[in-house]
């Protein structure tokens, strides 16, 4: 989700004002300049010796800020209200709309310098990497042992998901062995053969006309992907939507198919979730995890640790770790800490307790440890957050 300059995360770089804010509004109106924002990517950042004020006059503008020139430290905020960037902070603008203009205000003694960097900072816009133009066909195949399909050229993308058994598919002379819960995606125009051996096989075939960002070609096609729980759920949604006869079912199928491709790419970059071996095992894991999560929420104001959870639910530490990692992709200790920190934000907003009291209520060993963890999680310390809430 996009962050705005009026959000709490921006406090370390500057401040925002309503345009009717007395002195700051008057200061802003003096010495101002209307500037077009034409950058789509950046090759330099500005830095001023004094505070700089600006606002968006037309379009939507993205502010890029940093305390240094390390691109990994760059933060982005949509410009909202009158914005002050503190002296010494690096900054520049990117146009999110086709055209954008800002109004910039400085004092006569303000000096703004450009700081160039070797590698262009590329802002990655949210555009579709996979575009399905048409679902040509989809069908569920049940093949007996020793089945053989001689093969053909298909001018469309073809997705094969093995539901059970083993399928041998040959794409341009290269054989791939697909077992249960595995997927292969073949690009248009390749020659494909399929056969089984001593085991029957059931599999889903999806044929579509679509565009794939060339950067993902090597990730997507002619390699075996294993379906984790997320992908299996997407496939179930696809099959369910396929049986729907409403006038929007086709739209749903296309959206689901695009989500499947995006999830497959994501799984190649991040460890995929473990697949439960049986539906009964998955049911057991779901129920156990639900009980543990409920226990954590009900005891949020109690001091407990991972070992206490293991004792409470008669589960080993390694099994508990695997349960959280497989279903939530997070360690139990981190889950508990995140929940407590999120609860602390809610308590600060209520303004009923001091920071020290909140730290004690949530079982943190000291206010200093609580403040450090809060800062690590939200990039702002609890006192600054409380002051921001009061002023807003």
Protein backbone atom coordinates (compact mmCIF):
# COMPACT_ATOMS: atom_id res chain seq x y z
CA UNK A 1 0.00 0.00 0.00
CA UNK A 2 1.28 3.48 -0.83
CA UNK A 3 2.42 5.72 2.01
CA UNK A 4 1.53 9.40 2.14
CA UNK A 5 3.59 12.28 3.45
CA UNK A 6 0.84 12.87 6.03
CA UNK A 7 1.53 9.43 7.51
CA UNK A 8 3.59 8.67 10.58
CA UNK A 9 6.43 7.07 8.60
CA UNK A 10 7.31 10.44 7.08
CA UNK A 11 8.16 12.12 10.41
CA UNK A 12 11.85 11.24 10.24
CA UNK A 13 12.19 13.16 6.97
CA UNK A 14 9.97 16.17 7.58
CA UNK A 15 6.46 17.29 8.37
CA UNK A 16 3.15 18.19 6.73
CA UNK A 17 0.84 21.17 7.24
CA UNK A 18 -2.67 22.05 6.22
CA UNK A 19 -2.63 24.82 3.66
CA UNK A 20 -4.48 27.04 6.15
CA UNK A 21 -1.87 26.58 8.90
CA UNK A 22 -1.09 30.21 9.77
CA UNK A 23 2.61 31.02 9.69
CA UNK A 24 3.64 28.02 7.63
CA UNK A 25 1.00 28.81 5.02
CA UNK A 26 2.29 32.37 4.72
CA UNK A 27 5.88 31.22 4.52
CA UNK A 28 4.92 28.80 1.77
CA UNK A 29 3.34 31.51 -0.35
CA UNK A 30 6.57 33.54 -0.50
CA UNK A 31 9.26 32.82 -3.09
CA UNK A 32 7.42 29.90 -4.62
CA UNK A 33 8.08 28.30 -8.01
CA UNK A 34 5.80 26.16 -10.16
CA UNK A 35 7.83 23.22 -11.48
CA UNK A 36 6.85 20.36 -13.80
CA UNK A 37 7.57 16.85 -12.55
CA UNK A 38 8.73 14.84 -15.55
CA UNK A 39 10.83 12.12 -13.91
CA UNK A 40 9.77 8.53 -14.36
CA UNK A 41 13.07 7.28 -12.92
CA UNK A 42 15.83 9.18 -11.09
CA UNK A 43 19.54 9.77 -11.70
CA UNK A 44 20.06 12.24 -8.84
CA UNK A 45 18.56 13.56 -5.61
CA UNK A 46 18.38 17.11 -4.27
CA UNK A 47 19.63 18.22 -0.86
CA UNK A 48 19.08 21.66 0.69
CA UNK A 49 20.88 23.46 3.49
CA UNK A 50 17.52 24.66 4.86
CA UNK A 51 14.01 23.25 5.14
CA UNK A 52 12.16 23.10 1.82
CA UNK A 53 8.39 23.38 1.41
CA UNK A 54 6.27 22.14 -1.49
CA UNK A 55 2.85 20.88 -2.51
CA UNK A 56 1.36 19.22 -5.58
CA UNK A 57 -0.54 21.62 -7.81
CA UNK A 58 -1.57 19.18 -10.52
CA UNK A 59 -1.54 15.41 -10.94
CA UNK A 60 -0.12 12.90 -8.47
CA UNK A 61 3.48 13.21 -7.31
CA UNK A 62 5.67 10.65 -5.56
CA UNK A 63 8.34 11.98 -3.20
CA UNK A 64 11.54 9.94 -2.94
CA UNK A 65 13.50 10.68 0.25
CA UNK A 66 16.53 9.29 2.03
CA UNK A 67 19.09 10.15 4.68
CA UNK A 68 21.88 8.98 2.36
CA UNK A 69 22.47 8.05 -1.29
CA UNK A 70 22.15 4.31 -0.77
CA UNK A 71 19.22 3.32 -2.97
CA UNK A 72 18.27 0.54 -0.54
CA UNK A 73 17.47 3.32 1.96
CA UNK A 74 15.18 5.25 -0.38
CA UNK A 75 11.61 5.70 0.84
CA UNK A 76 8.64 6.81 -1.26
CA UNK A 77 5.59 8.83 -0.25
CA UNK A 78 2.69 10.24 -2.25
CA UNK A 79 2.77 14.02 -1.72
CA UNK A 80 -0.20 15.01 0.47
CA UNK A 81 -0.83 18.52 1.83
CA UNK A 82 1.94 21.11 2.25
CA UNK A 83 5.14 19.20 2.89
CA UNK A 84 8.35 20.22 4.62
CA UNK A 85 11.53 18.24 3.92
CA UNK A 86 14.13 18.86 6.60
CA UNK A 87 17.50 20.38 5.79
CA UNK A 88 20.07 17.75 4.84
CA UNK A 89 17.53 15.17 3.63
CA UNK A 90 17.96 13.92 0.06
CA UNK A 91 14.81 14.17 -2.07
CA UNK A 92 13.36 14.25 -5.57
CA UNK A 93 10.03 13.74 -7.30
CA UNK A 94 8.49 11.20 -9.66
CA UNK A 95 5.29 11.80 -11.62
CA UNK A 96 2.74 9.04 -11.02
CA UNK A 97 0.21 10.67 -13.34
CA UNK A 98 0.84 11.55 -16.98
CA UNK A 99 1.54 15.15 -15.97
CA UNK A 100 2.31 16.65 -12.58
CA UNK A 101 3.34 20.02 -11.19
CA UNK A 102 4.62 21.00 -7.77
CA UNK A 103 4.88 24.39 -6.10
CA UNK A 104 8.22 24.78 -4.35
CA UNK A 105 8.98 27.39 -1.66
CA UNK A 106 12.40 28.27 -0.26
CA UNK A 107 14.03 31.21 1.53
CA UNK A 108 16.55 33.45 -0.26
CA UNK A 109 19.39 31.79 1.65
CA UNK A 110 18.41 28.25 0.67
CA UNK A 111 20.94 26.39 -1.47
CA UNK A 112 19.75 23.25 -3.26
CA UNK A 113 22.37 20.95 -4.76
CA UNK A 114 22.10 17.93 -7.05
CA UNK A 115 23.73 14.65 -6.04
CA UNK A 116 24.08 12.19 -8.91
CA UNK A 117 24.51 8.44 -8.48
CA UNK A 118 26.06 5.85 -10.77
CA UNK A 119 23.03 3.63 -11.24
CA UNK A 120 19.59 4.93 -12.19
CA UNK A 121 16.95 4.59 -9.50
CA UNK A 122 14.08 2.80 -11.20
CA UNK A 123 10.65 3.18 -9.68
CA UNK A 124 8.73 -0.02 -10.34
CA UNK A 125 5.21 0.93 -11.23
CA UNK A 126 2.32 -1.39 -10.54
CA UNK A 127 1.56 -2.74 -13.99
CA UNK A 128 0.45 -6.25 -14.97
CA UNK A 129 3.29 -8.68 -15.63
CA UNK A 130 0.81 -11.24 -16.98
CA UNK A 131 -2.13 -10.35 -19.16
CA UNK A 132 -4.61 -13.05 -20.16
CA UNK A 133 -6.47 -11.89 -23.26
CA UNK A 134 -8.58 -14.99 -23.79
CA UNK A 135 -9.17 -18.35 -22.19
CA UNK A 136 -9.17 -20.66 -25.20
CA UNK A 137 -10.03 -23.93 -23.46
CA UNK A 138 -9.68 -25.87 -20.23
CA UNK A 139 -10.46 -29.51 -19.50
CA UNK A 140 -9.82 -32.21 -16.94
CA UNK A 141 -8.09 -35.30 -18.31
CA UNK A 142 -8.16 -38.82 -16.88
CA UNK A 143 -5.61 -41.09 -18.55
CA UNK A 144 -5.04 -44.80 -18.00
CA UNK A 145 -1.69 -46.55 -17.88
CA UNK A 146 0.43 -46.58 -21.05
CA UNK A 147 -1.49 -43.70 -22.60
CA UNK A 148 0.36 -41.92 -25.41
CA UNK A 149 -0.39 -38.68 -27.25
CA UNK A 150 1.76 -38.22 -30.36
CA UNK A 151 1.93 -34.48 -29.91
CA UNK A 152 1.14 -31.26 -31.75
CA UNK A 153 2.07 -27.60 -32.06
CA UNK A 154 -0.27 -25.25 -30.16
CA UNK A 155 -0.12 -21.52 -30.91
CA UNK A 156 -1.15 -20.61 -27.34
CA UNK A 157 0.17 -20.90 -23.80
CA UNK A 158 -0.63 -24.26 -22.21
CA UNK A 159 -0.69 -24.91 -18.46
CA UNK A 160 -0.71 -28.48 -17.15
CA UNK A 161 -1.47 -29.29 -13.50
CA UNK A 162 -1.21 -32.92 -12.34
CA UNK A 163 -3.94 -33.76 -9.84
CA UNK A 164 -2.89 -37.38 -9.31
CA UNK A 165 -0.46 -39.91 -10.73
CA UNK A 166 2.51 -39.19 -12.99
CA UNK A 167 2.51 -37.52 -16.37
CA UNK A 168 5.42 -37.53 -18.82
CA UNK A 169 5.35 -34.51 -21.09
CA UNK A 170 7.86 -33.78 -23.84
CA UNK A 171 8.33 -30.15 -24.88
CA UNK A 172 10.55 -29.55 -27.93
CA UNK A 173 12.29 -32.86 -27.34
CA UNK A 174 12.91 -32.41 -23.59
CA UNK A 175 11.04 -34.79 -21.26
CA UNK A 176 9.59 -33.54 -17.95
CA UNK A 177 8.18 -35.85 -15.28
CA UNK A 178 5.23 -34.31 -13.46
CA UNK A 179 3.99 -35.84 -10.24
CA UNK A 180 0.99 -34.95 -8.09
CA UNK A 181 0.64 -31.20 -7.35
CA UNK A 182 3.14 -30.20 -10.02
CA UNK A 183 2.67 -27.74 -12.87
CA UNK A 184 4.40 -26.99 -16.14
CA UNK A 185 3.73 -24.07 -18.46
CA UNK A 186 4.60 -24.31 -22.15
CA UNK A 187 4.89 -21.18 -24.34
CA UNK A 188 3.16 -20.84 -27.71
CA UNK A 189 4.49 -22.63 -30.79
CA UNK A 190 6.37 -25.52 -29.16
CA UNK A 191 5.80 -29.17 -29.96
CA UNK A 192 4.32 -31.19 -27.09
CA UNK A 193 3.84 -34.89 -26.45
CA UNK A 194 2.28 -36.54 -23.39
CA UNK A 195 2.20 -40.09 -22.08
CA UNK A 196 1.81 -42.21 -18.97
CA UNK A 197 3.63 -45.41 -17.98
CA UNK A 198 2.63 -47.87 -15.28
CA UNK A 199 0.40 -45.41 -13.37
CA UNK A 200 -2.83 -43.68 -14.44
CA UNK A 201 -2.88 -39.90 -14.31
CA UNK A 202 -5.44 -37.11 -13.89
CA UNK A 203 -4.52 -33.57 -14.85
CA UNK A 204 -5.96 -30.17 -15.68
CA UNK A 205 -5.10 -28.49 -18.99
CA UNK A 206 -5.57 -24.74 -19.48
CA UNK A 207 -4.96 -23.14 -22.88
CA UNK A 208 -4.89 -19.35 -23.08
CA UNK A 209 -3.83 -16.47 -25.24
CA UNK A 210 -1.82 -14.15 -23.04
CA UNK A 211 1.19 -11.88 -22.68
CA UNK A 212 4.03 -12.51 -20.25
CA UNK A 213 6.61 -9.90 -19.34
CA UNK A 214 9.80 -11.18 -21.04
CA UNK A 215 11.70 -10.79 -17.76
CA UNK A 216 9.74 -13.75 -16.39
CA UNK A 217 10.04 -16.10 -19.35
CA UNK A 218 12.82 -18.18 -17.82
CA UNK A 219 10.95 -18.34 -14.50
CA UNK A 220 7.60 -19.28 -15.97
CA UNK A 221 7.88 -21.74 -18.82
CA UNK A 222 9.51 -25.12 -19.45
CA UNK A 223 10.22 -25.80 -15.80
CA UNK A 224 8.39 -27.78 -13.14
CA UNK A 225 6.59 -25.84 -10.40
CA UNK A 226 5.21 -27.43 -7.24
CA UNK A 227 1.82 -26.16 -6.12
CA UNK A 228 1.79 -25.02 -2.49
CA UNK A 229 -1.40 -24.39 -0.53
CA UNK A 230 -1.90 -20.97 -2.11
CA UNK A 231 -1.69 -22.31 -5.66
CA UNK A 232 -3.86 -25.31 -4.83
CA UNK A 233 -6.50 -22.92 -3.50
CA UNK A 234 -6.25 -20.85 -6.68
CA UNK A 235 -6.75 -23.98 -8.79
CA UNK A 236 -9.78 -24.92 -6.71
CA UNK A 237 -11.15 -21.41 -7.24
CA UNK A 238 -10.54 -21.79 -10.98
CA UNK A 239 -12.44 -25.09 -11.14
CA UNK A 240 -15.28 -23.61 -9.09
CA UNK A 241 -15.51 -20.53 -11.31
CA UNK A 242 -15.41 -22.75 -14.40
CA UNK A 243 -18.66 -24.39 -13.32
CA UNK A 244 -20.33 -21.02 -12.80
CA UNK A 245 -22.67 -20.09 -15.64
CA UNK A 246 -23.09 -16.41 -14.76
CA UNK A 247 -22.17 -13.69 -17.24
CA UNK A 248 -19.05 -12.73 -15.26
CA UNK A 249 -17.64 -16.24 -14.84
CA UNK A 250 -15.23 -15.69 -17.73
CA UNK A 251 -13.86 -12.55 -16.08
CA UNK A 252 -13.34 -14.49 -12.85
CA UNK A 253 -11.47 -17.24 -14.69
CA UNK A 254 -9.09 -14.75 -16.29
CA UNK A 255 -8.44 -12.94 -12.99
CA UNK A 256 -7.79 -16.26 -11.23
CA UNK A 257 -5.45 -17.42 -13.98
CA UNK A 258 -3.40 -14.21 -13.75
CA UNK A 259 -3.22 -14.65 -9.96
CA UNK A 260 -1.95 -18.20 -10.45
CA UNK A 261 0.90 -17.02 -12.68
CA UNK A 262 1.87 -14.26 -10.26
CA UNK A 263 1.89 -16.71 -7.33
CA UNK A 264 4.05 -19.18 -9.23
CA UNK A 265 6.63 -16.44 -9.88
CA UNK A 266 6.52 -15.35 -6.25
CA UNK A 267 7.12 -18.91 -5.10
CA UNK A 268 10.26 -19.17 -7.20
CA UNK A 269 11.69 -16.23 -5.25
CA UNK A 270 10.49 -17.18 -1.77
CA UNK A 271 10.33 -20.59 -0.08
CA UNK A 272 6.94 -22.11 -0.83
CA UNK A 273 4.71 -23.41 1.91
CA UNK A 274 4.82 -27.10 2.74
CA UNK A 275 1.89 -29.10 1.39
CA UNK A 276 -0.08 -31.15 3.87
CA UNK A 277 0.18 -34.79 2.91
CA UNK A 278 -3.54 -35.51 3.35
CA UNK A 279 -6.77 -33.50 3.78
CA UNK A 280 -7.08 -34.91 7.31
CA UNK A 281 -3.60 -33.63 8.19
CA UNK A 282 -4.52 -30.19 6.84
CA UNK A 283 -7.74 -30.19 8.88
CA UNK A 284 -5.79 -31.10 12.01
CA UNK A 285 -3.21 -28.37 11.38
CA UNK A 286 -5.91 -25.76 10.76
CA UNK A 287 -7.73 -26.60 13.98
CA UNK A 288 -4.55 -26.70 16.06
CA UNK A 289 -3.29 -23.42 14.64
CA UNK A 290 -6.68 -21.79 15.29
CA UNK A 291 -6.53 -22.87 18.94
CA UNK A 292 -2.99 -21.56 19.35
CA UNK A 293 -3.79 -18.21 17.73
CA UNK A 294 -6.86 -17.86 19.95
CA UNK A 295 -4.75 -18.62 23.03
CA UNK A 296 -2.15 -16.01 22.04
CA UNK A 297 -4.83 -13.34 21.55
CA UNK A 298 -6.58 -14.14 24.83
CA UNK A 299 -3.27 -13.98 26.72
CA UNK A 300 -1.78 -10.96 24.99
CA UNK A 301 -1.39 -9.20 28.35
CA UNK A 302 0.31 -12.23 29.89
CA UNK A 303 4.02 -12.94 29.85
CA UNK A 304 4.61 -16.18 27.95
CA UNK A 305 7.06 -17.54 25.41
CA UNK A 306 7.32 -20.24 22.75
CA UNK A 307 8.16 -22.91 25.34
CA UNK A 308 4.96 -22.08 27.22
CA UNK A 309 2.98 -22.61 24.03
CA UNK A 310 4.66 -25.97 23.50
CA UNK A 311 3.72 -27.05 27.03
CA UNK A 312 0.16 -25.75 26.69
CA UNK A 313 -0.53 -27.65 23.47
CA UNK A 314 1.76 -30.65 23.99
CA UNK A 315 3.75 -29.95 20.84
CA UNK A 316 7.50 -29.91 20.25
CA UNK A 317 9.26 -26.65 19.48
CA UNK A 318 10.26 -27.86 16.01
CA UNK A 319 6.67 -28.91 15.22
CA UNK A 320 5.35 -25.55 16.39
CA UNK A 321 7.91 -23.75 14.24
CA UNK A 322 6.95 -25.87 11.22
CA UNK A 323 3.22 -25.28 11.83
CA UNK A 324 3.61 -21.49 11.83
CA UNK A 325 6.08 -21.46 8.95
CA UNK A 326 3.92 -23.67 6.73
CA UNK A 327 0.63 -21.87 7.38
CA UNK A 328 1.61 -18.28 8.23
CA UNK A 329 5.16 -18.08 6.82
CA UNK A 330 6.39 -16.61 10.12
CA UNK A 331 8.07 -17.92 13.26
CA UNK A 332 5.84 -18.16 16.38
CA UNK A 333 8.11 -15.84 18.39
CA UNK A 334 7.92 -13.19 15.68
CA UNK A 335 4.14 -13.64 15.42
CA UNK A 336 3.70 -13.05 19.16
CA UNK A 337 6.01 -10.02 19.10
CA UNK A 338 4.21 -8.47 16.10
CA UNK A 339 0.85 -8.99 17.77
CA UNK A 340 2.01 -7.32 20.99
CA UNK A 341 3.50 -4.38 19.09
CA UNK A 342 0.31 -3.95 17.08
CA UNK A 343 -1.67 -4.00 20.32
CA UNK A 344 0.64 -1.37 21.77
CA UNK A 345 -0.26 1.00 18.92
CA UNK A 346 -3.93 0.56 19.74
CA UNK A 347 -3.28 1.32 23.42
CA UNK A 348 -1.24 4.41 22.57
CA UNK A 349 -4.13 5.68 20.44
CA UNK A 350 -6.49 5.30 23.42
CA UNK A 351 -4.28 7.73 25.43
CA UNK A 352 -5.25 6.02 28.70
CA UNK A 353 -1.83 4.69 29.66
CA UNK A 354 1.75 5.90 29.69
CA UNK A 355 4.33 4.30 27.43
CA UNK A 356 5.89 2.64 30.48
CA UNK A 357 2.54 1.19 31.55
CA UNK A 358 1.86 -0.18 28.06
CA UNK A 359 5.27 -1.85 27.94
CA UNK A 360 4.61 -3.49 31.31
CA UNK A 361 1.04 -4.52 30.39
CA UNK A 362 2.28 -6.34 27.29
CA UNK A 363 5.04 -8.16 29.12
CA UNK A 364 8.12 -6.40 27.72
CA UNK A 365 11.11 -6.69 30.03
CA UNK A 366 11.77 -2.95 30.04
CA UNK A 367 10.53 0.25 28.46
CA UNK A 368 13.87 0.56 26.65
CA UNK A 369 13.48 -2.88 25.05
CA UNK A 370 9.87 -2.07 24.14
CA UNK A 371 10.89 1.24 22.55
CA UNK A 372 13.65 -0.45 20.56
CA UNK A 373 11.32 -3.15 19.22
CA UNK A 374 8.61 -0.57 18.43
CA UNK A 375 11.14 1.52 16.49
CA UNK A 376 12.38 -1.54 14.60
CA UNK A 377 8.83 -2.52 13.65
CA UNK A 378 7.28 0.86 12.81
CA UNK A 379 10.35 3.05 12.13
CA UNK A 380 9.24 5.51 14.82
CA UNK A 381 9.57 5.37 18.59
CA UNK A 382 6.48 5.12 20.84
CA UNK A 383 6.76 8.68 22.16
CA UNK A 384 6.96 10.16 18.66
CA UNK A 385 4.01 8.03 17.63
CA UNK A 386 1.98 9.22 20.63
CA UNK A 387 2.79 12.86 19.84
CA UNK A 388 1.76 12.34 16.22
CA UNK A 389 -1.58 10.85 17.30
CA UNK A 390 -2.26 13.75 19.68
CA UNK A 391 -1.46 16.40 17.04
CA UNK A 392 -3.49 14.72 14.32
